Amino acid sequence: MNSISPNLNIMIKAAEKASKVLIRDFGELENLQVSKKGPRDFVTNSDKKAEKIIIEELLKSKKRFSILSEETGEIKNNDIENTWLIDPIDGTLNFLHGLPHFAISIAHRCNDEILSGLIFDPIKNEMFYADKNNGAFFNNQRMRVSNKKSIDECLFASKEKNENIPNLSTRNLGSAALDMAYVGSGRFDGFFQKNLHLWDIAAGIIIIKEAGGVTNKIDLLSKSKIDIIAGSNAIYENMVKNLNNF
């Protein structure tokens, strides 16, 4: 593995450990689709189990760090400058319906800056990660955003309705974290979405930036929902021009 920070190393180990639970539970979902109770409670339980494993693993090494996560919310520990931002299953609706497109997302925030982030798709065994000033990587290979210049050739990720963005070709795959990871790896050329939580996008922000991309300015200490626009440097300005109604 390329040289990564100790904190990112801890995050990778935590994600890999939690992924074992998610892979097993995802395999069980088919049996639940036909049961009376239905899978929703089961998925909530998977979410909580994965989050518990991630938090335990992270705090083993960094007991003082604070936590902000989807299920547990905010835990203020002794060190409030350093926070782990955790989304144990980004793409729960996909998980719920047996669609193999969801991810574990973990980031390390120090004050108002993201220093490390990882997005791990356990079913496809695809891991995207980055440290500040150290580049972005996909399964140990250096990755870069796309360099397409023409908007007609680009594909964007978004949940926005097409009538608001008639000039942009979009896909909605149901996981904001993976959408951002795909921008970082050049699969998508850009991503824009409203009303997201910080834990949905924190890892994606550093991955895209370290892969040579750009995002709009985001308040990383804000408690409110976030609107994000992210893309490659080559297409970002043109993309923003096409988002008049965003």
Protein backbone atom coordinates (compact mmCIF):
# COMPACT_ATOMS: atom_id res chain seq x y z
CA MET A 1 0.00 0.00 0.00
CA ASN A 2 1.21 3.50 -0.79
CA SER A 3 2.30 5.69 2.11
CA ILE A 4 -0.79 6.84 4.02
CA SER A 5 -1.33 8.63 7.32
CA PRO A 6 -1.79 6.61 10.53
CA ASN A 7 -5.33 7.99 10.84
CA LEU A 8 -6.30 6.84 7.35
CA ASN A 9 -4.82 3.45 8.13
CA ILE A 10 -7.10 3.21 11.20
CA MET A 11 -10.11 4.24 9.07
CA ILE A 12 -9.37 1.58 6.44
CA LYS A 13 -9.13 -1.15 9.09
CA ALA A 14 -12.41 -0.01 10.68
CA ALA A 15 -14.21 0.03 7.31
CA GLU A 16 -12.90 -3.41 6.38
CA LYS A 17 -14.03 -4.88 9.72
CA ALA A 18 -17.53 -3.33 9.47
CA SER A 19 -17.85 -4.43 5.84
CA LYS A 20 -17.87 -8.09 6.88
CA VAL A 21 -21.16 -7.52 8.75
CA LEU A 22 -22.67 -5.62 5.82
CA ILE A 23 -21.67 -8.25 3.26
CA ARG A 24 -23.17 -11.00 5.43
CA ASP A 25 -26.38 -9.06 6.12
CA PHE A 26 -26.74 -8.08 2.47
CA GLY A 27 -26.61 -11.78 1.59
CA GLU A 28 -29.42 -12.43 4.08
CA LEU A 29 -31.71 -9.77 2.61
CA GLU A 30 -33.08 -12.00 -0.14
CA ASN A 31 -34.66 -14.27 2.49
CA LEU A 32 -36.25 -11.25 4.18
CA GLN A 33 -37.83 -9.73 1.06
CA VAL A 34 -40.62 -12.29 1.32
CA SER A 35 -41.07 -12.25 5.09
CA LYS A 36 -43.99 -10.52 6.83
CA LYS A 37 -41.77 -8.28 8.91
CA GLY A 38 -39.91 -7.02 5.87
CA PRO A 39 -36.32 -5.89 5.64
CA ARG A 40 -36.48 -2.29 6.91
CA ASP A 41 -35.86 -3.12 10.60
CA PHE A 42 -33.13 -5.51 9.55
CA VAL A 43 -31.34 -2.79 7.54
CA THR A 44 -31.57 -0.30 10.44
CA ASN A 45 -30.00 -3.00 12.58
CA SER A 46 -27.20 -3.55 10.00
CA ASP A 47 -26.56 0.21 9.97
CA LYS A 48 -26.24 0.30 13.75
CA LYS A 49 -24.05 -2.81 13.94
CA ALA A 50 -21.66 -1.46 11.29
CA GLU A 51 -21.51 1.94 12.96
CA LYS A 52 -20.79 0.38 16.37
CA ILE A 53 -17.86 -1.59 14.92
CA ILE A 54 -16.47 1.49 13.15
CA ILE A 55 -16.71 3.69 16.26
CA GLU A 56 -15.12 1.00 18.48
CA GLU A 57 -12.23 0.51 16.04
CA LEU A 58 -11.59 4.24 15.63
CA LEU A 59 -11.71 4.97 19.35
CA LYS A 60 -9.37 2.06 20.17
CA SER A 61 -6.59 4.10 18.58
CA LYS A 62 -7.88 7.63 19.14
CA LYS A 63 -9.85 7.60 22.39
CA ARG A 64 -9.98 11.40 22.64
CA PHE A 65 -11.41 12.14 19.16
CA SER A 66 -15.03 13.25 18.91
CA ILE A 67 -17.61 11.55 16.67
CA LEU A 68 -20.33 12.74 14.30
CA SER A 69 -22.24 9.87 12.75
CA GLU A 70 -25.55 9.17 11.07
CA GLU A 71 -27.05 6.81 13.64
CA THR A 72 -25.45 7.94 16.91
CA GLY A 73 -25.27 11.67 16.18
CA GLU A 74 -22.64 13.78 17.94
CA ILE A 75 -20.35 12.46 20.69
CA LYS A 76 -18.10 15.14 22.17
CA ASN A 77 -14.99 13.57 23.62
CA ASN A 78 -11.96 15.36 25.14
CA ASP A 79 -10.63 16.38 21.74
CA ILE A 80 -13.31 18.48 20.04
CA GLU A 81 -10.93 19.76 17.37
CA ASN A 82 -10.59 16.29 15.84
CA THR A 83 -13.76 14.50 14.78
CA TRP A 84 -14.51 11.24 12.98
CA LEU A 85 -17.41 11.71 10.50
CA ILE A 86 -19.13 8.39 9.83
CA ASP A 87 -21.85 7.08 7.54
CA PRO A 88 -22.00 3.29 8.01
CA ILE A 89 -24.25 2.67 4.97
CA ASP A 90 -24.54 5.44 2.42
CA GLY A 91 -27.23 4.13 0.08
CA THR A 92 -29.50 2.40 2.60
CA LEU A 93 -32.43 2.33 0.15
CA ASN A 94 -30.27 0.39 -2.33
CA PHE A 95 -29.18 -1.95 0.48
CA LEU A 96 -32.82 -2.40 1.53
CA HIS A 97 -33.85 -3.46 -1.98
CA GLY A 98 -30.92 -5.78 -2.52
CA LEU A 99 -29.14 -3.43 -4.95
CA PRO A 100 -25.37 -3.89 -4.59
CA HIS A 101 -24.54 -0.18 -4.64
CA PHE A 102 -23.81 1.33 -1.22
CA ALA A 103 -20.74 2.34 0.75
CA ILE A 104 -19.14 2.93 4.11
CA SER A 105 -17.91 6.52 4.37
CA ILE A 106 -15.46 7.79 7.03
CA ALA A 107 -13.60 11.10 7.24
CA HIS A 108 -11.29 12.82 9.71
CA ARG A 109 -12.03 16.49 10.31
CA CYS A 110 -9.62 18.72 12.20
CA ASN A 111 -11.27 22.05 13.10
CA ASP A 112 -12.81 23.17 9.80
CA GLU A 113 -10.78 21.01 7.44
CA ILE A 114 -11.07 17.43 6.18
CA LEU A 115 -7.64 15.78 6.46
CA SER A 116 -8.47 12.21 5.37
CA GLY A 117 -11.39 10.35 3.86
CA LEU A 118 -12.35 6.94 2.60
CA ILE A 119 -15.34 5.52 0.74
CA PHE A 120 -15.54 1.73 0.63
CA ASP A 121 -17.97 -0.26 -1.52
CA PRO A 122 -17.83 -3.67 0.18
CA ILE A 123 -19.79 -5.62 -2.44
CA LYS A 124 -17.57 -4.54 -5.36
CA ASN A 125 -14.51 -4.41 -3.07
CA GLU A 126 -13.70 -0.89 -4.27
CA MET A 127 -11.96 1.49 -1.90
CA PHE A 128 -11.42 5.18 -2.65
CA TYR A 129 -9.31 7.20 -0.19
CA ALA A 130 -7.22 10.33 0.24
CA ASP A 131 -5.03 12.22 2.70
CA LYS A 132 -4.53 15.97 2.43
CA ASN A 133 -1.60 16.81 0.12
CA ASN A 134 -0.96 13.14 -0.63
CA GLY A 135 -3.21 12.45 -3.65
CA ALA A 136 -6.28 10.24 -4.04
CA PHE A 137 -6.24 6.50 -4.57
CA PHE A 138 -8.50 3.72 -5.81
CA ASN A 139 -7.50 0.26 -4.53
CA ASN A 140 -3.88 1.47 -4.14
CA GLN A 141 -3.70 3.03 -7.63
CA ARG A 142 -3.38 6.81 -7.94
CA MET A 143 -6.58 8.29 -9.40
CA ARG A 144 -7.49 11.53 -11.16
CA VAL A 145 -10.71 13.31 -12.11
CA SER A 146 -11.72 13.21 -15.77
CA ASN A 147 -10.29 15.75 -18.19
CA LYS A 148 -13.21 16.04 -20.61
CA LYS A 149 -13.70 19.62 -21.80
CA SER A 150 -17.01 19.34 -23.66
CA ILE A 151 -20.18 19.32 -21.54
CA ASP A 152 -21.93 17.17 -24.19
CA GLU A 153 -19.51 14.32 -23.51
CA CYS A 154 -19.89 14.49 -19.73
CA LEU A 155 -21.99 12.42 -17.35
CA PHE A 156 -23.08 13.91 -14.04
CA ALA A 157 -24.47 12.37 -10.85
CA SER A 158 -27.51 14.02 -9.29
CA LYS A 159 -31.00 13.55 -7.92
CA GLU A 160 -32.11 16.85 -9.47
CA LYS A 161 -35.00 16.69 -11.92
CA ASN A 162 -33.92 16.88 -15.55
CA GLU A 163 -36.16 19.86 -16.42
CA ASN A 164 -33.94 22.03 -14.18
CA ILE A 165 -30.77 20.95 -15.99
CA PRO A 166 -31.74 20.21 -19.61
CA ASN A 167 -28.15 20.47 -20.92
CA LEU A 168 -26.59 17.96 -18.53
CA SER A 169 -26.75 14.21 -18.85
CA THR A 170 -27.34 12.82 -15.35
CA ARG A 171 -27.64 9.55 -13.42
CA ASN A 172 -29.04 8.98 -9.94
CA LEU A 173 -27.43 5.86 -8.47
CA GLY A 174 -28.66 6.35 -4.89
CA SER A 175 -25.41 6.89 -2.96
CA ALA A 176 -23.95 10.40 -2.65
CA ALA A 177 -20.67 9.03 -1.26
CA LEU A 178 -20.14 6.73 -4.24
CA ASP A 179 -21.20 9.50 -6.65
CA MET A 180 -18.38 11.62 -5.24
CA ALA A 181 -15.91 8.73 -5.28
CA TYR A 182 -16.81 8.21 -8.95
CA VAL A 183 -16.12 11.88 -9.69
CA GLY A 184 -12.70 11.44 -8.07
CA SER A 185 -11.96 8.39 -10.22
CA GLY A 186 -13.23 9.97 -13.44
CA ARG A 187 -16.28 7.72 -13.88
CA PHE A 188 -18.53 10.75 -13.40
CA ASP A 189 -17.46 14.24 -14.51
CA GLY A 190 -19.40 16.07 -11.80
CA PHE A 191 -21.91 15.80 -8.97
CA PHE A 192 -24.49 18.18 -7.55
CA GLN A 193 -27.12 17.63 -4.88
CA LYS A 194 -29.06 19.55 -2.26
CA ASN A 195 -29.84 18.86 1.40
CA LEU A 196 -27.07 16.44 2.26
CA HIS A 197 -25.57 15.75 5.67
CA LEU A 198 -21.87 16.35 6.27
CA TRP A 199 -21.23 12.63 6.85
CA ASP A 200 -22.63 11.90 3.34
CA ILE A 201 -20.00 14.03 1.61
CA ALA A 202 -17.03 14.66 3.96
CA ALA A 203 -14.88 11.83 2.60
CA GLY A 204 -15.88 12.68 -0.97
CA ILE A 205 -14.73 16.29 -0.59
CA ILE A 206 -11.10 15.38 0.17
CA ILE A 207 -11.08 12.54 -2.38
CA ILE A 208 -12.22 14.85 -5.18
CA LYS A 209 -9.83 17.64 -4.21
CA GLU A 210 -6.85 15.29 -3.95
CA ALA A 211 -7.80 13.77 -7.32
CA GLY A 212 -7.50 17.23 -8.89
CA GLY A 213 -11.15 18.26 -8.74
CA VAL A 214 -12.98 21.14 -7.11
CA THR A 215 -16.09 21.72 -4.98
CA ASN A 216 -18.11 24.77 -4.01
CA LYS A 217 -17.19 26.34 -0.66
CA ILE A 218 -18.71 24.30 2.15
CA ASP A 219 -18.95 25.17 5.84
CA LEU A 220 -17.54 22.00 7.40
CA LEU A 221 -18.68 23.03 10.89
CA SER A 222 -22.28 23.72 9.90
CA LYS A 223 -25.03 21.70 11.57
CA SER A 224 -27.44 22.36 8.70
CA LYS A 225 -28.01 20.47 5.46
CA ILE A 226 -25.51 21.11 2.67
CA ASP A 227 -25.84 21.81 -1.06
CA ILE A 228 -22.83 20.58 -2.99
CA ILE A 229 -21.42 21.02 -6.47
CA ALA A 230 -18.27 19.07 -7.34
CA GLY A 231 -16.44 18.25 -10.53
CA SER A 232 -13.23 18.17 -12.47
CA ASN A 233 -11.38 21.45 -12.95
CA ALA A 234 -11.85 21.10 -16.70
CA ILE A 235 -15.65 21.15 -16.56
CA TYR A 236 -16.56 22.78 -13.22
CA GLU A 237 -17.21 26.38 -14.43
CA ASN A 238 -19.24 25.16 -17.39
CA MET A 239 -21.23 22.84 -15.14
CA VAL A 240 -22.04 25.68 -12.71
CA LYS A 241 -23.27 27.84 -15.62
CA ASN A 242 -25.74 25.08 -16.50
CA LEU A 243 -27.07 24.90 -12.96
CA ASN A 244 -29.05 28.17 -12.99
CA ASN A 245 -31.93 26.71 -11.01
CA PHE A 246 -29.82 24.74 -8.56
